Amino acid sequence: MPKSLRIIAHRGYCELYPENTLPALLAALDAGADAVEFDVQLSRDGVPMVFHDPTLNRTTGRSGAIVEYSAKELGKISAHEPARLGERYAGTPIPTLAAVAQGLAAHSGPVFVELKQDTIPHHAITQAVAAVLEACAPLGERAVLISFDSAIIQVARSVGKRRIGWVVPDWNAACRDRLETLKPDFAFVAAELLPPSLAPLWPGPWEWAAYEVNDWQEASDLARRGVGWIETRAVAAMVAARDRA
């Protein structure tokens, strides 16, 4: 069973490359990842940008919130993670979702697009979801819209999005009930939230994906509990471990 685990590159191959950038995503696929995952925030003018944090500081060294900048302005900012990676990748831009979708269009495998909750107070859910789905068009059914915000998932489904995923925020009865109501295609959960036993995860029509998993023994244990996908930063190491299993 562990050998059948599929590997999702968390924000691309961000162990070695700046997270949520096109080079990181392409490098992950080259390293053998079965899928990629990245985050989306909306710019001031409502353009989906591939970026995790609500503020620029951590990955760009710049100040301010992403929603304070237009897409054009954000495209001129380097997201090379200088504090972590130095200047090796200086000049790597914050990409639009449309550019990333075009860049990944020729590749295979699912593309998990997480629309962040932070963007919703600044943009209506319906507008945000519509903008994301439009930008993902080159990916077709490979694009899977995921979110912690169940309202985002419901809106996506209401407008015809066929593949969706919910990021389960906690391991309790209320979240289980919510998951059973949503019935997403994928259920994502932080591995650290799971009880330490080897009991199977909540059954349902969804596929389980666990994050962040950078150890093969942990991945193997999760596979025995019903996890089919693991999300990792250590892409090459996890692919190699699976190949040896």
C-alpha atoms as a PDB file:
ATOM      1  CA  MET A   1       0.000   0.000   0.000  1.00  0.00           C
ATOM      2  CA  PRO A   2       2.715   2.607   0.776  1.00  0.00           C
ATOM      3  CA  LYS A   3       4.109   2.133  -2.735  1.00  0.00           C
ATOM      4  CA  SER A   4       0.774   3.296  -4.150  1.00  0.00           C
ATOM      5  CA  LEU A   5       0.956   6.595  -2.245  1.00  0.00           C
ATOM      6  CA  ARG A   6       0.857   9.610  -4.491  1.00  0.00           C
ATOM      7  CA  ILE A   7       3.046  12.578  -3.742  1.00  0.00           C
ATOM      8  CA  ILE A   8       1.917  16.201  -3.807  1.00  0.00           C
ATOM      9  CA  ALA A   9       4.578  18.901  -3.824  1.00  0.00           C
ATOM     10  CA  HIS A  10       3.567  21.383  -1.109  1.00  0.00           C
ATOM     11  CA  ARG A  11       3.932  24.859  -2.642  1.00  0.00           C
ATOM     12  CA  GLY A  12       6.127  23.218  -5.244  1.00  0.00           C
ATOM     13  CA  TYR A  13       9.607  21.903  -4.505  1.00  0.00           C
ATOM     14  CA  CYS A  14       9.997  24.473  -1.774  1.00  0.00           C
ATOM     15  CA  GLU A  15      12.694  22.555   0.046  1.00  0.00           C
ATOM     16  CA  LEU A  16      15.089  23.855  -2.620  1.00  0.00           C
ATOM     17  CA  TYR A  17      13.208  26.611  -4.480  1.00  0.00           C
ATOM     18  CA  PRO A  18      11.175  29.667  -3.477  1.00  0.00           C
ATOM     19  CA  GLU A  19       7.710  28.480  -2.538  1.00  0.00           C
ATOM     20  CA  ASN A  20       4.705  29.108  -4.762  1.00  0.00           C
ATOM     21  CA  THR A  21       6.788  30.116  -7.766  1.00  0.00           C
ATOM     22  CA  LEU A  22       6.698  28.588 -11.219  1.00  0.00           C
ATOM     23  CA  PRO A  23      10.306  27.302 -10.958  1.00  0.00           C
ATOM     24  CA  ALA A  24       9.384  25.485  -7.726  1.00  0.00           C
ATOM     25  CA  LEU A  25       6.317  23.896  -9.292  1.00  0.00           C
ATOM     26  CA  LEU A  26       8.104  22.763 -12.448  1.00  0.00           C
ATOM     27  CA  ALA A  27      11.054  21.434 -10.442  1.00  0.00           C
ATOM     28  CA  ALA A  28       8.671  19.365  -8.327  1.00  0.00           C
ATOM     29  CA  LEU A  29       7.206  17.696 -11.388  1.00  0.00           C
ATOM     30  CA  ASP A  30      10.683  17.084 -12.792  1.00  0.00           C
ATOM     31  CA  ALA A  31      11.605  15.439  -9.469  1.00  0.00           C
ATOM     32  CA  GLY A  32       8.742  12.968  -9.790  1.00  0.00           C
ATOM     33  CA  ALA A  33       5.854  14.531  -7.873  1.00  0.00           C
ATOM     34  CA  ASP A  34       2.461  13.217  -8.930  1.00  0.00           C
ATOM     35  CA  ALA A  35       0.758  16.549  -8.263  1.00  0.00           C
ATOM     36  CA  VAL A  36       1.450  20.067  -7.080  1.00  0.00           C
ATOM     37  CA  GLU A  37      -0.296  22.298  -4.561  1.00  0.00           C
ATOM     38  CA  PHE A  38      -0.092  26.049  -4.206  1.00  0.00           C
ATOM     39  CA  ASP A  39      -1.913  28.945  -2.597  1.00  0.00           C
ATOM     40  CA  VAL A  40      -3.837  31.861  -4.043  1.00  0.00           C
ATOM     41  CA  GLN A  41      -4.487  35.350  -2.721  1.00  0.00           C
ATOM     42  CA  LEU A  42      -6.196  38.094  -4.713  1.00  0.00           C
ATOM     43  CA  SER A  43      -4.530  41.392  -5.546  1.00  0.00           C
ATOM     44  CA  ARG A  44      -6.109  44.774  -4.922  1.00  0.00           C
ATOM     45  CA  ASP A  45      -7.662  44.645  -8.388  1.00  0.00           C
ATOM     46  CA  GLY A  46      -9.008  41.128  -7.922  1.00  0.00           C
ATOM     47  CA  VAL A  47      -6.408  39.148  -9.869  1.00  0.00           C
ATOM     48  CA  PRO A  48      -5.550  35.711  -8.421  1.00  0.00           C
ATOM     49  CA  MET A  49      -1.874  35.620  -7.456  1.00  0.00           C
ATOM     50  CA  VAL A  50       0.044  32.514  -6.397  1.00  0.00           C
ATOM     51  CA  PHE A  51       1.096  33.467  -2.883  1.00  0.00           C
ATOM     52  CA  HIS A  52       0.588  32.013   0.593  1.00  0.00           C
ATOM     53  CA  ASP A  53       0.761  34.751   3.196  1.00  0.00           C
ATOM     54  CA  PRO A  54      -1.577  37.745   3.421  1.00  0.00           C
ATOM     55  CA  THR A  55       1.535  39.929   3.764  1.00  0.00           C
ATOM     56  CA  LEU A  56       4.653  40.180   1.620  1.00  0.00           C
ATOM     57  CA  ASN A  57       7.304  40.199   4.337  1.00  0.00           C
ATOM     58  CA  ARG A  58       8.335  36.556   4.709  1.00  0.00           C
ATOM     59  CA  THR A  59       8.964  35.597   1.088  1.00  0.00           C
ATOM     60  CA  THR A  60       9.859  38.945  -0.481  1.00  0.00           C
ATOM     61  CA  GLY A  61      11.436  41.049   2.244  1.00  0.00           C
ATOM     62  CA  ARG A  62       8.961  43.788   1.340  1.00  0.00           C
ATOM     63  CA  SER A  63       6.327  45.247   3.626  1.00  0.00           C
ATOM     64  CA  GLY A  64       2.587  45.510   3.209  1.00  0.00           C
ATOM     65  CA  ALA A  65      -0.390  43.281   2.521  1.00  0.00           C
ATOM     66  CA  ILE A  66      -0.816  41.634  -0.862  1.00  0.00           C
ATOM     67  CA  VAL A  67      -4.283  43.165  -1.160  1.00  0.00           C
ATOM     68  CA  GLU A  68      -2.704  46.639  -1.071  1.00  0.00           C
ATOM     69  CA  TYR A  69      -0.968  46.050  -4.415  1.00  0.00           C
ATOM     70  CA  SER A  70      -2.258  45.649  -7.957  1.00  0.00           C
ATOM     71  CA  ALA A  71      -1.377  42.556  -9.952  1.00  0.00           C
ATOM     72  CA  LYS A  72       0.983  44.627 -12.089  1.00  0.00           C
ATOM     73  CA  GLU A  73       2.784  45.910  -9.003  1.00  0.00           C
ATOM     74  CA  LEU A  74       3.019  42.429  -7.483  1.00  0.00           C
ATOM     75  CA  GLY A  75       4.467  41.051 -10.711  1.00  0.00           C
ATOM     76  CA  LYS A  76       7.452  43.356 -10.262  1.00  0.00           C
ATOM     77  CA  ILE A  77       8.212  42.071  -6.762  1.00  0.00           C
ATOM     78  CA  SER A  78      10.694  39.220  -6.376  1.00  0.00           C
ATOM     79  CA  ALA A  79       9.425  36.330  -4.230  1.00  0.00           C
ATOM     80  CA  HIS A  80      12.806  34.620  -3.922  1.00  0.00           C
ATOM     81  CA  GLU A  81      12.698  34.149  -0.131  1.00  0.00           C
ATOM     82  CA  PRO A  82      15.889  36.074   0.619  1.00  0.00           C
ATOM     83  CA  ALA A  83      15.784  35.320   4.351  1.00  0.00           C
ATOM     84  CA  ARG A  84      15.852  31.561   3.675  1.00  0.00           C
ATOM     85  CA  LEU A  85      17.545  31.192   0.288  1.00  0.00           C
ATOM     86  CA  GLY A  86      19.671  34.317  -0.022  1.00  0.00           C
ATOM     87  CA  GLU A  87      19.877  35.936  -3.449  1.00  0.00           C
ATOM     88  CA  ARG A  88      20.165  32.740  -5.495  1.00  0.00           C
ATOM     89  CA  TYR A  89      16.703  33.147  -7.003  1.00  0.00           C
ATOM     90  CA  ALA A  90      16.514  36.932  -7.006  1.00  0.00           C
ATOM     91  CA  GLY A  91      14.179  38.215  -9.687  1.00  0.00           C
ATOM     92  CA  THR A  92      11.706  35.323  -9.409  1.00  0.00           C
ATOM     93  CA  PRO A  93       8.363  37.117  -9.620  1.00  0.00           C
ATOM     94  CA  ILE A  94       5.141  36.624  -7.730  1.00  0.00           C
ATOM     95  CA  PRO A  95       3.193  34.857 -10.482  1.00  0.00           C
ATOM     96  CA  THR A  96      -0.416  35.256 -11.461  1.00  0.00           C
ATOM     97  CA  LEU A  97      -2.524  32.132 -11.291  1.00  0.00           C
ATOM     98  CA  ALA A  98      -3.170  32.477 -15.018  1.00  0.00           C
ATOM     99  CA  ALA A  99       0.577  32.369 -15.738  1.00  0.00           C
ATOM    100  CA  VAL A 100       1.057  29.318 -13.529  1.00  0.00           C
ATOM    101  CA  ALA A 101      -1.868  27.532 -15.167  1.00  0.00           C
ATOM    102  CA  GLN A 102      -0.347  28.180 -18.577  1.00  0.00           C
ATOM    103  CA  GLY A 103       3.043  26.994 -17.345  1.00  0.00           C
ATOM    104  CA  LEU A 104       1.606  23.741 -16.013  1.00  0.00           C
ATOM    105  CA  ALA A 105      -0.780  23.081 -18.893  1.00  0.00           C
ATOM    106  CA  ALA A 106       1.628  20.798 -20.752  1.00  0.00           C
ATOM    107  CA  HIS A 107       2.237  18.618 -17.690  1.00  0.00           C
ATOM    108  CA  SER A 108       0.064  15.869 -16.249  1.00  0.00           C
ATOM    109  CA  GLY A 109      -1.388  15.217 -12.821  1.00  0.00           C
ATOM    110  CA  PRO A 110      -3.717  17.095 -10.494  1.00  0.00           C
ATOM    111  CA  VAL A 111      -3.111  20.716  -9.583  1.00  0.00           C
ATOM    112  CA  PHE A 112      -4.460  21.587  -6.133  1.00  0.00           C
ATOM    113  CA  VAL A 113      -5.273  25.294  -5.935  1.00  0.00           C
ATOM    114  CA  GLU A 114      -5.897  26.542  -2.400  1.00  0.00           C
ATOM    115  CA  LEU A 115      -7.887  29.754  -2.241  1.00  0.00           C
ATOM    116  CA  LYS A 116      -6.891  31.359   1.053  1.00  0.00           C
ATOM    117  CA  GLN A 117      -9.488  32.574   3.519  1.00  0.00           C
ATOM    118  CA  ASP A 118      -7.520  35.791   4.055  1.00  0.00           C
ATOM    119  CA  THR A 119      -8.653  37.152   0.715  1.00  0.00           C
ATOM    120  CA  ILE A 120     -12.402  36.868   1.387  1.00  0.00           C
ATOM    121  CA  PRO A 121     -12.838  39.941   3.626  1.00  0.00           C
ATOM    122  CA  HIS A 122     -11.520  42.019   0.706  1.00  0.00           C
ATOM    123  CA  HIS A 123     -13.273  40.284  -2.203  1.00  0.00           C
ATOM    124  CA  ALA A 124     -16.698  38.651  -2.379  1.00  0.00           C
ATOM    125  CA  ILE A 125     -16.553  34.863  -2.358  1.00  0.00           C
ATOM    126  CA  THR A 126     -18.432  34.567  -5.641  1.00  0.00           C
ATOM    127  CA  GLN A 127     -16.069  36.990  -7.375  1.00  0.00           C
ATOM    128  CA  ALA A 128     -12.977  35.329  -5.917  1.00  0.00           C
ATOM    129  CA  VAL A 129     -14.092  31.843  -6.920  1.00  0.00           C
ATOM    130  CA  ALA A 130     -15.067  32.992 -10.412  1.00  0.00           C
ATOM    131  CA  ALA A 131     -11.680  34.666 -10.910  1.00  0.00           C
ATOM    132  CA  VAL A 132      -9.812  31.552  -9.778  1.00  0.00           C
ATOM    133  CA  LEU A 133     -11.830  29.194 -11.959  1.00  0.00           C
ATOM    134  CA  GLU A 134     -11.353  31.423 -14.997  1.00  0.00           C
ATOM    135  CA  ALA A 135      -7.589  31.562 -14.462  1.00  0.00           C
ATOM    136  CA  CYS A 136      -7.458  27.758 -14.078  1.00  0.00           C
ATOM    137  CA  ALA A 137      -9.191  27.135 -17.409  1.00  0.00           C
ATOM    138  CA  PRO A 138      -6.016  25.892 -19.210  1.00  0.00           C
ATOM    139  CA  LEU A 139      -5.784  23.058 -16.668  1.00  0.00           C
ATOM    140  CA  GLY A 140      -9.273  21.709 -17.293  1.00  0.00           C
ATOM    141  CA  GLU A 141     -10.352  19.009 -14.862  1.00  0.00           C
ATOM    142  CA  ARG A 142      -6.802  18.689 -13.535  1.00  0.00           C
ATOM    143  CA  ALA A 143      -7.461  21.768 -11.406  1.00  0.00           C
ATOM    144  CA  VAL A 144      -8.895  20.992  -7.970  1.00  0.00           C
ATOM    145  CA  LEU A 145     -10.047  23.994  -5.944  1.00  0.00           C
ATOM    146  CA  ILE A 146      -9.408  23.478  -2.239  1.00  0.00           C
ATOM    147  CA  SER A 147      -9.842  25.655   0.837  1.00  0.00           C
ATOM    148  CA  PHE A 148     -10.187  25.674   4.611  1.00  0.00           C
ATOM    149  CA  ASP A 149     -13.285  27.804   4.061  1.00  0.00           C
ATOM    150  CA  SER A 150     -16.218  25.488   3.420  1.00  0.00           C
ATOM    151  CA  ALA A 151     -18.220  28.404   1.984  1.00  0.00           C
ATOM    152  CA  ILE A 152     -15.664  28.729  -0.816  1.00  0.00           C
ATOM    153  CA  ILE A 153     -16.084  25.041  -1.602  1.00  0.00           C
ATOM    154  CA  GLN A 154     -19.858  25.328  -1.632  1.00  0.00           C
ATOM    155  CA  VAL A 155     -19.757  28.303  -4.004  1.00  0.00           C
ATOM    156  CA  ALA A 156     -17.366  26.479  -6.335  1.00  0.00           C
ATOM    157  CA  ARG A 157     -19.672  23.493  -6.464  1.00  0.00           C
ATOM    158  CA  SER A 158     -22.745  25.691  -7.006  1.00  0.00           C
ATOM    159  CA  VAL A 159     -21.213  27.201 -10.144  1.00  0.00           C
ATOM    160  CA  GLY A 160     -20.351  23.810 -11.578  1.00  0.00           C
ATOM    161  CA  LYS A 161     -16.802  23.131 -10.376  1.00  0.00           C
ATOM    162  CA  ARG A 162     -16.595  19.356 -10.489  1.00  0.00           C
ATOM    163  CA  ARG A 163     -13.427  18.694  -8.474  1.00  0.00           C
ATOM    164  CA  ILE A 164     -13.119  20.262  -5.040  1.00  0.00           C
ATOM    165  CA  GLY A 165     -11.329  19.599  -1.768  1.00  0.00           C
ATOM    166  CA  TRP A 166     -11.842  20.708   1.803  1.00  0.00           C
ATOM    167  CA  VAL A 167      -8.952  21.247   4.199  1.00  0.00           C
ATOM    168  CA  VAL A 168     -10.239  19.828   7.485  1.00  0.00           C
ATOM    169  CA  PRO A 169      -9.385  22.402  10.189  1.00  0.00           C
ATOM    170  CA  ASP A 170      -9.678  20.089  13.209  1.00  0.00           C
ATOM    171  CA  TRP A 171     -10.234  16.445  14.088  1.00  0.00           C
ATOM    172  CA  ASN A 172     -13.547  16.518  15.928  1.00  0.00           C
ATOM    173  CA  ALA A 173     -17.194  15.554  15.525  1.00  0.00           C
ATOM    174  CA  ALA A 174     -18.209  18.918  14.094  1.00  0.00           C
ATOM    175  CA  CYS A 175     -15.611  18.698  11.328  1.00  0.00           C
ATOM    176  CA  ARG A 176     -16.589  15.127  10.564  1.00  0.00           C
ATOM    177  CA  ASP A 177     -20.220  16.201  10.201  1.00  0.00           C
ATOM    178  CA  ARG A 178     -19.167  19.084   7.970  1.00  0.00           C
ATOM    179  CA  LEU A 179     -17.069  16.801   5.797  1.00  0.00           C
ATOM    180  CA  GLU A 180     -19.942  14.363   5.391  1.00  0.00           C
ATOM    181  CA  THR A 181     -22.202  17.237   4.345  1.00  0.00           C
ATOM    182  CA  LEU A 182     -19.725  18.695   1.853  1.00  0.00           C
ATOM    183  CA  LYS A 183     -18.713  15.344   0.336  1.00  0.00           C
ATOM    184  CA  PRO A 184     -15.675  16.800  -1.459  1.00  0.00           C
ATOM    185  CA  ASP A 185     -13.546  14.834  -3.877  1.00  0.00           C
ATOM    186  CA  PHE A 186     -10.525  15.306  -1.604  1.00  0.00           C
ATOM    187  CA  ALA A 187     -10.163  15.787   2.144  1.00  0.00           C
ATOM    188  CA  PHE A 188      -6.890  17.352   3.274  1.00  0.00           C
ATOM    189  CA  VAL A 189      -5.746  17.146   6.886  1.00  0.00           C
ATOM    190  CA  ALA A 190      -2.624  18.126   8.801  1.00  0.00           C
ATOM    191  CA  ALA A 191      -0.926  14.908   9.887  1.00  0.00           C
ATOM    192  CA  GLU A 192      -0.280  16.415  13.307  1.00  0.00           C
ATOM    193  CA  LEU A 193      -4.047  16.708  13.905  1.00  0.00           C
ATOM    194  CA  LEU A 194      -4.623  12.981  13.590  1.00  0.00           C
ATOM    195  CA  PRO A 195      -4.912  10.809  16.702  1.00  0.00           C
ATOM    196  CA  PRO A 196      -1.776   8.712  17.251  1.00  0.00           C
ATOM    197  CA  SER A 197      -3.508   5.348  16.837  1.00  0.00           C
ATOM    198  CA  LEU A 198      -3.475   3.493  13.541  1.00  0.00           C
ATOM    199  CA  ALA A 199      -7.262   3.581  13.311  1.00  0.00           C
ATOM    200  CA  PRO A 200      -8.678   4.229   9.827  1.00  0.00           C
ATOM    201  CA  LEU A 201      -9.618   7.785   8.939  1.00  0.00           C
ATOM    202  CA  TRP A 202     -13.232   8.876   8.531  1.00  0.00           C
ATOM    203  CA  PRO A 203     -14.755   6.915   5.646  1.00  0.00           C
ATOM    204  CA  GLY A 204     -16.494   8.621   2.761  1.00  0.00           C
ATOM    205  CA  PRO A 205     -16.443   9.203  -0.997  1.00  0.00           C
ATOM    206  CA  TRP A 206     -13.406  11.476  -0.741  1.00  0.00           C
ATOM    207  CA  GLU A 207      -9.701  10.698  -1.124  1.00  0.00           C
ATOM    208  CA  TRP A 208      -7.561  11.531   1.891  1.00  0.00           C
ATOM    209  CA  ALA A 209      -4.467  13.729   1.590  1.00  0.00           C
ATOM    210  CA  ALA A 210      -2.214  14.421   4.589  1.00  0.00           C
ATOM    211  CA  TYR A 211       0.257  17.262   5.053  1.00  0.00           C
ATOM    212  CA  GLU A 212       2.995  18.062   5.842  1.00  0.00           C
ATOM    213  CA  VAL A 213       4.724  14.695   5.650  1.00  0.00           C
ATOM    214  CA  ASN A 214       8.487  14.601   5.123  1.00  0.00           C
ATOM    215  CA  ASP A 215       9.271  11.188   6.628  1.00  0.00           C
ATOM    216  CA  TRP A 216       8.631   7.951   4.745  1.00  0.00           C
ATOM    217  CA  GLN A 217       7.784   5.889   7.832  1.00  0.00           C
ATOM    218  CA  GLU A 218       5.104   8.403   8.757  1.00  0.00           C
ATOM    219  CA  ALA A 219       3.835   8.314   5.174  1.00  0.00           C
ATOM    220  CA  SER A 220       3.672   4.506   5.261  1.00  0.00           C
ATOM    221  CA  ASP A 221       1.712   4.546   8.515  1.00  0.00           C
ATOM    222  CA  LEU A 222      -0.727   7.057   7.040  1.00  0.00           C
ATOM    223  CA  ALA A 223      -1.185   4.909   3.949  1.00  0.00           C
ATOM    224  CA  ARG A 224      -2.233   2.001   6.155  1.00  0.00           C
ATOM    225  CA  ARG A 225      -4.896   4.266   7.670  1.00  0.00           C
ATOM    226  CA  GLY A 226      -6.389   5.108   4.307  1.00  0.00           C
ATOM    227  CA  VAL A 227      -4.381   8.124   3.137  1.00  0.00           C
ATOM    228  CA  GLY A 228      -3.827   8.037  -0.612  1.00  0.00           C
ATOM    229  CA  TRP A 229      -1.921  11.292  -1.021  1.00  0.00           C
ATOM    230  CA  ILE A 230       0.838  12.929   1.000  1.00  0.00           C
ATOM    231  CA  GLU A 231       1.828  16.546   0.716  1.00  0.00           C
ATOM    232  CA  THR A 232       5.531  17.200   1.219  1.00  0.00           C
ATOM    233  CA  ARG A 233       8.323  19.716   0.796  1.00  0.00           C
ATOM    234  CA  ALA A 234      10.956  16.978   0.479  1.00  0.00           C
ATOM    235  CA  VAL A 235       9.835  15.885  -2.967  1.00  0.00           C
ATOM    236  CA  ALA A 236      12.882  14.012  -4.268  1.00  0.00           C
ATOM    237  CA  ALA A 237      13.522  12.221  -0.968  1.00  0.00           C
ATOM    238  CA  MET A 238       9.932  11.031  -0.700  1.00  0.00           C
ATOM    239  CA  VAL A 239       9.802   9.913  -4.334  1.00  0.00           C
ATOM    240  CA  ALA A 240      13.037   7.963  -3.846  1.00  0.00           C
ATOM    241  CA  ALA A 241      11.735   6.357  -0.640  1.00  0.00           C
ATOM    242  CA  ARG A 242       8.545   5.289  -2.397  1.00  0.00           C
ATOM    243  CA  ASP A 243      10.538   3.802  -5.258  1.00  0.00           C
ATOM    244  CA  ARG A 244      12.557   1.745  -2.753  1.00  0.00           C
ATOM    245  CA  ALA A 245       9.491   0.534  -0.846  1.00  0.00           C
END
